[in-house]
């Protein structure tokens, strides 16, 4: 299915580009999240008209993402979790939890979908977590998982 992108999307394309994607991806993600339009002749003409405006909006989002990145990049956040004697956690540290932690500490709202742990956080220790703030702006934080207490 052919769609026209309304914003830059990593590994997919840039604003105004007409791309071929699977029907489900187009319908369920791109179009429902207003990231793309069906590639009809009318829509192609419409996007050509508003392409400059879309680029301007995208640049504004990018600038905001850079500001957020400067605030949180290379920062370390401490999470206290219950653990066993072998330093394994009961459950794991999820992106939702990391999102809430950043909002509590830095008052910055980050969607859990933007958070990509390098590996699943299931033990005590330090873990790198990548945060994709914009298609061109990433930040990396460290999550330090410490033991709240051990349960026998």
N, C-alpha and C. Protein backbone atom coordinates (compact mmCIF):
# COMPACT_ATOMS: atom_id res chain seq x y z
N UNK A 1 0.85 -1.18 0.00
CA UNK A 1 0.00 0.00 0.00
C UNK A 1 0.89 1.24 0.00
N UNK A 2 0.56 2.20 -0.83
CA UNK A 2 1.35 3.44 -0.91
C UNK A 2 0.78 4.49 0.04
N UNK A 3 1.70 5.11 0.82
CA UNK A 3 1.31 6.20 1.72
C UNK A 3 2.29 7.35 1.57
N UNK A 4 1.85 8.54 2.00
CA UNK A 4 2.71 9.72 2.02
C UNK A 4 3.02 10.02 3.47
N UNK A 5 4.30 10.16 3.80
CA UNK A 5 4.68 10.43 5.19
C UNK A 5 4.47 11.90 5.55
N UNK A 6 3.93 12.13 6.74
CA UNK A 6 3.70 13.48 7.23
C UNK A 6 4.77 13.90 8.23
N UNK A 7 5.66 12.98 8.61
CA UNK A 7 6.79 13.32 9.48
C UNK A 7 7.94 12.36 9.21
N UNK A 8 9.13 12.75 9.67
CA UNK A 8 10.30 11.89 9.50
C UNK A 8 10.17 10.70 10.44
N UNK A 9 10.35 9.50 9.90
CA UNK A 9 10.28 8.29 10.71
C UNK A 9 11.54 7.49 10.46
N UNK A 10 12.21 7.17 11.56
CA UNK A 10 13.48 6.44 11.49
C UNK A 10 13.33 5.14 10.71
N UNK A 11 14.28 4.87 9.83
CA UNK A 11 14.35 3.66 9.01
C UNK A 11 13.18 3.49 8.04
N UNK A 12 12.32 4.51 7.89
CA UNK A 12 11.19 4.37 6.98
C UNK A 12 11.25 5.44 5.89
N UNK A 13 11.36 6.71 6.27
CA UNK A 13 11.42 7.77 5.27
C UNK A 13 11.27 9.15 5.87
N UNK A 14 11.22 10.15 5.00
CA UNK A 14 11.11 11.53 5.46
C UNK A 14 9.82 12.18 4.97
N UNK A 15 9.57 13.39 5.44
CA UNK A 15 8.33 14.12 5.15
C UNK A 15 8.08 14.22 3.64
N UNK A 16 6.85 13.94 3.23
CA UNK A 16 6.44 14.09 1.84
C UNK A 16 6.81 12.92 0.95
N UNK A 17 7.54 11.97 1.48
CA UNK A 17 7.98 10.83 0.68
C UNK A 17 6.82 9.84 0.49
N UNK A 18 6.65 9.33 -0.72
CA UNK A 18 5.64 8.31 -1.00
C UNK A 18 6.35 6.96 -0.89
N UNK A 19 5.89 6.14 0.05
CA UNK A 19 6.54 4.85 0.27
C UNK A 19 5.53 3.71 0.19
N UNK A 20 6.04 2.53 -0.03
CA UNK A 20 5.22 1.31 -0.08
C UNK A 20 5.41 0.57 1.25
N UNK A 21 4.30 0.37 1.97
CA UNK A 21 4.36 -0.37 3.24
C UNK A 21 3.25 -1.41 3.25
N UNK A 22 3.33 -2.32 4.21
CA UNK A 22 2.27 -3.32 4.34
C UNK A 22 0.98 -2.65 4.80
N UNK A 23 -0.12 -3.17 4.32
CA UNK A 23 -1.44 -2.58 4.59
C UNK A 23 -1.71 -2.41 6.09
N UNK A 24 -1.41 -3.42 6.88
CA UNK A 24 -1.67 -3.37 8.33
C UNK A 24 -0.86 -2.28 9.01
N UNK A 25 0.43 -2.16 8.64
CA UNK A 25 1.31 -1.15 9.22
C UNK A 25 0.78 0.25 8.89
N UNK A 26 0.35 0.42 7.63
CA UNK A 26 -0.19 1.71 7.20
C UNK A 26 -1.45 2.06 7.99
N UNK A 27 -2.39 1.13 8.02
CA UNK A 27 -3.66 1.39 8.67
C UNK A 27 -3.56 1.51 10.18
N UNK A 28 -2.88 0.56 10.81
CA UNK A 28 -2.87 0.48 12.26
C UNK A 28 -1.88 1.41 12.94
N UNK A 29 -0.81 1.81 12.25
CA UNK A 29 0.19 2.65 12.90
C UNK A 29 0.31 4.02 12.22
N UNK A 30 0.71 4.03 10.97
CA UNK A 30 1.02 5.30 10.31
C UNK A 30 -0.20 6.22 10.20
N UNK A 31 -1.29 5.70 9.66
CA UNK A 31 -2.46 6.55 9.44
C UNK A 31 -3.20 6.84 10.75
N UNK A 32 -3.33 5.83 11.62
CA UNK A 32 -4.05 6.05 12.88
C UNK A 32 -3.30 7.03 13.80
N UNK A 33 -1.97 7.11 13.69
CA UNK A 33 -1.19 8.07 14.50
C UNK A 33 -0.90 9.36 13.75
N UNK A 34 -1.58 9.56 12.62
CA UNK A 34 -1.44 10.77 11.79
C UNK A 34 0.02 11.01 11.38
N UNK A 35 0.72 9.93 11.07
CA UNK A 35 2.09 10.03 10.58
C UNK A 35 2.13 9.90 9.06
N UNK A 36 0.99 9.50 8.46
CA UNK A 36 0.94 9.34 7.01
C UNK A 36 -0.50 9.47 6.50
N UNK A 37 -0.62 9.64 5.18
CA UNK A 37 -1.91 9.67 4.49
C UNK A 37 -1.88 8.66 3.35
N UNK A 38 -3.07 8.19 2.94
CA UNK A 38 -3.12 7.33 1.75
C UNK A 38 -2.58 8.13 0.57
N UNK A 39 -1.86 7.49 -0.33
CA UNK A 39 -1.24 8.19 -1.46
C UNK A 39 -2.20 8.33 -2.64
N UNK A 40 -3.20 9.18 -2.49
CA UNK A 40 -4.09 9.48 -3.61
C UNK A 40 -3.56 10.76 -4.28
N UNK A 41 -4.03 11.03 -5.50
CA UNK A 41 -3.54 12.22 -6.21
C UNK A 41 -3.83 13.50 -5.43
N UNK A 42 -5.03 13.57 -4.82
CA UNK A 42 -5.40 14.76 -4.04
C UNK A 42 -4.47 14.93 -2.84
N UNK A 43 -4.22 13.82 -2.12
CA UNK A 43 -3.36 13.88 -0.94
C UNK A 43 -1.92 14.26 -1.30
N UNK A 44 -1.42 13.76 -2.43
CA UNK A 44 -0.06 14.10 -2.87
C UNK A 44 0.04 15.60 -3.12
N UNK A 45 -0.96 16.19 -3.80
CA UNK A 45 -0.97 17.63 -4.06
C UNK A 45 -1.05 18.41 -2.74
N UNK A 46 -1.90 17.95 -1.83
CA UNK A 46 -2.08 18.60 -0.53
C UNK A 46 -0.77 18.61 0.27
N UNK A 47 -0.08 17.46 0.30
CA UNK A 47 1.17 17.35 1.05
C UNK A 47 2.25 18.24 0.43
N UNK A 48 2.28 18.35 -0.89
CA UNK A 48 3.25 19.24 -1.55
C UNK A 48 3.05 20.68 -1.08
N UNK A 49 1.78 21.08 -0.92
CA UNK A 49 1.49 22.44 -0.46
C UNK A 49 1.96 22.68 0.97
N UNK A 50 1.74 21.70 1.84
CA UNK A 50 2.04 21.91 3.27
C UNK A 50 3.38 21.30 3.70
N UNK A 51 4.19 20.90 2.74
CA UNK A 51 5.48 20.25 3.05
C UNK A 51 6.39 21.17 3.88
N UNK A 52 6.47 22.44 3.52
CA UNK A 52 7.33 23.39 4.25
C UNK A 52 6.86 23.54 5.69
N UNK A 53 5.55 23.61 5.86
CA UNK A 53 4.98 23.74 7.20
C UNK A 53 5.28 22.50 8.05
N UNK A 54 5.15 21.33 7.42
CA UNK A 54 5.44 20.08 8.13
C UNK A 54 6.92 20.01 8.52
N UNK A 55 7.81 20.44 7.63
CA UNK A 55 9.24 20.46 7.93
C UNK A 55 9.53 21.39 9.10
N UNK A 56 8.85 22.53 9.13
CA UNK A 56 9.04 23.50 10.22
C UNK A 56 8.61 22.88 11.55
N UNK A 57 7.45 22.22 11.56
CA UNK A 57 6.96 21.56 12.77
C UNK A 57 7.94 20.47 13.22
N UNK A 58 8.45 19.71 12.25
CA UNK A 58 9.39 18.65 12.56
C UNK A 58 10.67 19.22 13.18
N UNK A 59 11.15 20.35 12.65
CA UNK A 59 12.33 21.00 13.21
C UNK A 59 12.09 21.49 14.63
N UNK A 60 10.88 22.00 14.90
CA UNK A 60 10.52 22.43 16.26
C UNK A 60 10.55 21.24 17.21
N UNK A 61 9.97 20.11 16.77
CA UNK A 61 9.99 18.90 17.60
C UNK A 61 11.42 18.44 17.86
N UNK A 62 12.25 18.56 16.83
CA UNK A 62 13.65 18.16 16.94
C UNK A 62 14.39 19.04 17.96
N UNK A 63 14.13 20.35 17.93
CA UNK A 63 14.76 21.27 18.88
C UNK A 63 14.33 20.94 20.31
N UNK A 64 13.03 20.67 20.50
CA UNK A 64 12.53 20.28 21.82
C UNK A 64 13.21 19.00 22.29
N UNK A 65 13.32 18.04 21.38
CA UNK A 65 13.96 16.76 21.70
C UNK A 65 15.41 16.97 22.10
N UNK A 66 16.10 17.89 21.43
CA UNK A 66 17.50 18.18 21.77
C UNK A 66 17.61 18.76 23.18
N UNK A 67 16.68 19.65 23.54
CA UNK A 67 16.68 20.24 24.89
C UNK A 67 16.51 19.15 25.94
N UNK A 68 15.55 18.26 25.71
CA UNK A 68 15.29 17.16 26.64
C UNK A 68 16.52 16.26 26.71
N UNK A 69 17.12 15.99 25.55
CA UNK A 69 18.30 15.14 25.49
C UNK A 69 19.44 15.73 26.32
N UNK A 70 19.63 17.05 26.23
CA UNK A 70 20.69 17.71 27.00
C UNK A 70 20.45 17.56 28.51
N UNK A 71 19.17 17.59 28.92
CA UNK A 71 18.85 17.48 30.34
C UNK A 71 19.09 16.07 30.90
N UNK A 72 18.74 15.05 30.10
CA UNK A 72 18.79 13.69 30.66
C UNK A 72 19.92 12.81 30.14
N UNK A 73 20.60 13.22 29.06
CA UNK A 73 21.65 12.37 28.49
C UNK A 73 22.76 12.10 29.50
N UNK A 74 23.21 10.86 29.58
CA UNK A 74 24.30 10.41 30.47
C UNK A 74 23.94 10.48 31.95
N UNK A 75 22.67 10.71 32.27
CA UNK A 75 22.25 10.77 33.67
C UNK A 75 22.08 9.38 34.24
N UNK A 76 22.18 9.29 35.57
CA UNK A 76 22.03 8.01 36.24
C UNK A 76 20.81 8.07 37.15
N UNK A 77 19.95 7.08 37.03
CA UNK A 77 18.75 6.99 37.86
C UNK A 77 18.83 5.73 38.70
N UNK A 78 18.46 5.86 39.97
CA UNK A 78 18.54 4.71 40.88
C UNK A 78 17.13 4.15 41.09
N UNK A 79 17.01 2.83 40.91
CA UNK A 79 15.75 2.13 41.12
C UNK A 79 15.97 1.11 42.23
N UNK A 80 15.12 1.13 43.24
CA UNK A 80 15.22 0.13 44.32
C UNK A 80 14.15 -0.92 44.10
N UNK A 81 14.58 -2.18 44.02
CA UNK A 81 13.65 -3.29 43.78
C UNK A 81 13.93 -4.42 44.75
N UNK A 82 12.92 -5.22 45.01
CA UNK A 82 13.10 -6.42 45.84
C UNK A 82 13.92 -7.43 45.05
N UNK A 83 14.85 -8.09 45.75
CA UNK A 83 15.69 -9.06 45.04
C UNK A 83 15.95 -10.30 45.89
N UNK A 84 16.41 -11.36 45.24
CA UNK A 84 16.77 -12.60 45.93
C UNK A 84 18.23 -12.51 46.37
N UNK A 85 18.71 -13.56 47.07
CA UNK A 85 20.12 -13.56 47.49
C UNK A 85 21.05 -13.63 46.28
N UNK A 86 20.59 -14.17 45.15
CA UNK A 86 21.43 -14.29 43.96
C UNK A 86 21.37 -13.03 43.09
N UNK A 87 20.92 -11.93 43.67
CA UNK A 87 20.83 -10.63 43.00
C UNK A 87 19.89 -10.59 41.80
N UNK A 88 18.92 -11.48 41.76
CA UNK A 88 17.91 -11.45 40.71
C UNK A 88 16.69 -10.70 41.24
N UNK A 89 16.00 -10.04 40.34
CA UNK A 89 14.83 -9.27 40.75
C UNK A 89 13.57 -10.11 40.68
N UNK A 90 12.61 -9.73 41.51
CA UNK A 90 11.27 -10.30 41.39
C UNK A 90 10.57 -9.44 40.35
N UNK A 91 10.50 -9.90 39.11
CA UNK A 91 9.98 -9.10 38.01
C UNK A 91 11.13 -8.35 37.38
N UNK A 92 10.83 -7.42 36.49
CA UNK A 92 11.89 -6.66 35.84
C UNK A 92 11.53 -5.18 35.84
N UNK A 93 12.49 -4.36 35.49
CA UNK A 93 12.26 -2.92 35.41
C UNK A 93 11.74 -2.63 34.00
N UNK A 94 10.52 -2.17 33.91
CA UNK A 94 9.86 -1.95 32.62
C UNK A 94 9.99 -0.48 32.19
N UNK A 95 9.84 -0.21 30.87
CA UNK A 95 9.88 1.17 30.38
C UNK A 95 8.88 2.10 31.08
N UNK A 96 7.71 1.59 31.45
CA UNK A 96 6.71 2.41 32.15
C UNK A 96 7.29 2.92 33.47
N UNK A 97 7.97 2.05 34.19
CA UNK A 97 8.58 2.41 35.47
C UNK A 97 9.68 3.46 35.27
N UNK A 98 10.49 3.28 34.23
CA UNK A 98 11.57 4.22 33.94
C UNK A 98 10.98 5.58 33.58
N UNK A 99 9.89 5.58 32.79
CA UNK A 99 9.20 6.80 32.40
C UNK A 99 8.71 7.57 33.62
N UNK A 100 8.09 6.87 34.56
CA UNK A 100 7.59 7.51 35.80
C UNK A 100 8.74 8.06 36.63
N UNK A 101 9.85 7.34 36.68
CA UNK A 101 11.03 7.75 37.44
C UNK A 101 11.59 9.07 36.89
N UNK A 102 11.72 9.16 35.57
CA UNK A 102 12.25 10.37 34.94
C UNK A 102 11.30 11.54 35.19
N UNK A 103 10.00 11.27 35.12
CA UNK A 103 9.03 12.35 35.36
C UNK A 103 9.09 12.84 36.80
N UNK A 104 9.24 11.91 37.77
CA UNK A 104 9.34 12.30 39.18
C UNK A 104 10.58 13.13 39.45
N UNK A 105 11.72 12.68 38.92
CA UNK A 105 12.99 13.34 39.23
C UNK A 105 13.20 14.61 38.43
N UNK A 106 13.03 14.55 37.11
CA UNK A 106 13.35 15.70 36.24
C UNK A 106 12.14 16.45 35.71
N UNK A 107 10.93 16.01 36.03
CA UNK A 107 9.71 16.65 35.54
C UNK A 107 9.67 16.70 34.01
N UNK A 108 10.18 15.64 33.37
CA UNK A 108 10.16 15.54 31.91
C UNK A 108 9.30 14.35 31.54
N UNK A 109 8.30 14.59 30.68
CA UNK A 109 7.41 13.50 30.30
C UNK A 109 7.98 12.75 29.09
N UNK A 110 8.24 11.47 29.29
CA UNK A 110 8.74 10.62 28.22
C UNK A 110 7.82 9.41 28.12
N UNK A 111 7.33 9.16 26.92
CA UNK A 111 6.43 8.03 26.72
C UNK A 111 7.21 6.72 26.86
N UNK A 112 6.61 5.71 27.49
CA UNK A 112 7.30 4.41 27.62
C UNK A 112 7.71 3.82 26.27
N UNK A 113 6.98 4.13 25.20
CA UNK A 113 7.32 3.60 23.88
C UNK A 113 8.64 4.16 23.34
N UNK A 114 9.09 5.29 23.90
CA UNK A 114 10.36 5.89 23.46
C UNK A 114 11.56 5.22 24.13
N UNK A 115 11.30 4.49 25.21
CA UNK A 115 12.38 3.91 26.01
C UNK A 115 12.72 2.51 25.51
N UNK A 116 14.01 2.30 25.19
CA UNK A 116 14.46 1.01 24.68
C UNK A 116 15.65 0.52 25.51
N UNK A 117 15.40 -0.34 26.50
CA UNK A 117 16.52 -0.90 27.26
C UNK A 117 17.40 -1.73 26.33
N UNK A 118 18.74 -1.63 26.49
CA UNK A 118 19.66 -2.38 25.65
C UNK A 118 19.45 -3.88 25.89
N UNK A 119 19.21 -4.23 27.16
CA UNK A 119 18.85 -5.62 27.49
C UNK A 119 17.79 -5.55 28.58
N UNK A 120 17.08 -6.65 28.79
CA UNK A 120 16.04 -6.67 29.79
C UNK A 120 16.66 -6.53 31.17
N UNK A 121 16.05 -5.68 32.00
CA UNK A 121 16.61 -5.41 33.33
C UNK A 121 15.96 -6.35 34.33
N UNK A 122 16.66 -7.45 34.65
CA UNK A 122 16.12 -8.48 35.55
C UNK A 122 17.02 -8.77 36.73
N UNK A 123 18.09 -7.98 36.91
CA UNK A 123 19.03 -8.23 38.01
C UNK A 123 19.51 -6.90 38.57
N UNK A 124 20.24 -6.97 39.68
CA UNK A 124 20.83 -5.77 40.25
C UNK A 124 22.01 -5.34 39.39
N UNK A 125 22.33 -4.06 39.41
CA UNK A 125 23.48 -3.57 38.64
C UNK A 125 23.12 -2.36 37.81
N UNK A 126 24.05 -1.98 36.93
CA UNK A 126 23.86 -0.80 36.08
C UNK A 126 23.51 -1.25 34.66
N UNK A 127 22.52 -0.59 34.09
CA UNK A 127 22.06 -0.93 32.75
C UNK A 127 21.93 0.33 31.91
N UNK A 128 22.37 0.24 30.66
CA UNK A 128 22.22 1.36 29.72
C UNK A 128 20.83 1.28 29.10
N UNK A 129 20.19 2.44 28.98
CA UNK A 129 18.87 2.52 28.38
C UNK A 129 18.87 3.64 27.35
N UNK A 130 18.45 3.31 26.13
CA UNK A 130 18.40 4.31 25.05
C UNK A 130 17.00 4.90 25.00
N UNK A 131 16.93 6.21 24.84
CA UNK A 131 15.64 6.89 24.73
C UNK A 131 15.59 7.60 23.39
N UNK A 132 14.65 7.20 22.55
CA UNK A 132 14.51 7.78 21.22
C UNK A 132 13.52 8.94 21.31
N UNK A 133 14.05 10.17 21.38
CA UNK A 133 13.21 11.36 21.56
C UNK A 133 12.65 11.89 20.25
N UNK A 134 13.34 11.62 19.15
CA UNK A 134 12.96 12.10 17.81
C UNK A 134 13.66 11.17 16.83
N UNK A 135 13.24 11.19 15.58
CA UNK A 135 13.86 10.28 14.61
C UNK A 135 15.36 10.54 14.48
N UNK A 136 15.82 11.75 14.85
CA UNK A 136 17.24 12.06 14.73
C UNK A 136 17.91 12.36 16.07
N UNK A 137 17.17 12.32 17.18
CA UNK A 137 17.73 12.67 18.49
C UNK A 137 17.50 11.52 19.48
N UNK A 138 18.62 11.01 20.02
CA UNK A 138 18.56 9.96 21.04
C UNK A 138 19.28 10.43 22.29
N UNK A 139 18.90 9.85 23.41
CA UNK A 139 19.61 10.10 24.67
C UNK A 139 19.91 8.74 25.28
N UNK A 140 20.92 8.69 26.13
CA UNK A 140 21.23 7.44 26.80
C UNK A 140 21.36 7.71 28.29
N UNK A 141 20.64 6.92 29.07
CA UNK A 141 20.72 7.06 30.53
C UNK A 141 21.18 5.74 31.13
N UNK A 142 21.58 5.80 32.38
CA UNK A 142 21.98 4.59 33.10
C UNK A 142 20.97 4.35 34.22
N UNK A 143 20.47 3.13 34.28
CA UNK A 143 19.58 2.74 35.36
C UNK A 143 20.39 1.88 36.32
N UNK A 144 20.52 2.36 37.56
CA UNK A 144 21.27 1.63 38.58
C UNK A 144 20.24 0.93 39.47
N UNK A 145 20.13 -0.39 39.33
CA UNK A 145 19.15 -1.16 40.10
C UNK A 145 19.81 -1.61 41.39
N UNK A 146 19.25 -1.16 42.50
CA UNK A 146 19.78 -1.52 43.81
C UNK A 146 18.74 -2.31 44.59
N UNK A 147 19.21 -3.06 45.54
CA UNK A 147 18.32 -3.90 46.33
C UNK A 147 17.59 -3.09 47.39
N UNK A 148 16.27 -3.21 47.42
CA UNK A 148 15.50 -2.56 48.46
C UNK A 148 15.67 -3.37 49.74
N UNK A 149 15.54 -4.69 49.60
CA UNK A 149 15.78 -5.63 50.68
C UNK A 149 15.71 -7.03 50.07
N UNK A 150 16.27 -7.99 50.76
CA UNK A 150 16.20 -9.35 50.23
C UNK A 150 15.16 -10.14 51.00
N UNK A 151 14.46 -11.00 50.26
CA UNK A 151 13.43 -11.83 50.87
C UNK A 151 13.95 -13.26 50.95
N UNK A 152 13.80 -13.87 52.10
CA UNK A 152 14.31 -15.23 52.28
C UNK A 152 13.38 -16.23 51.65
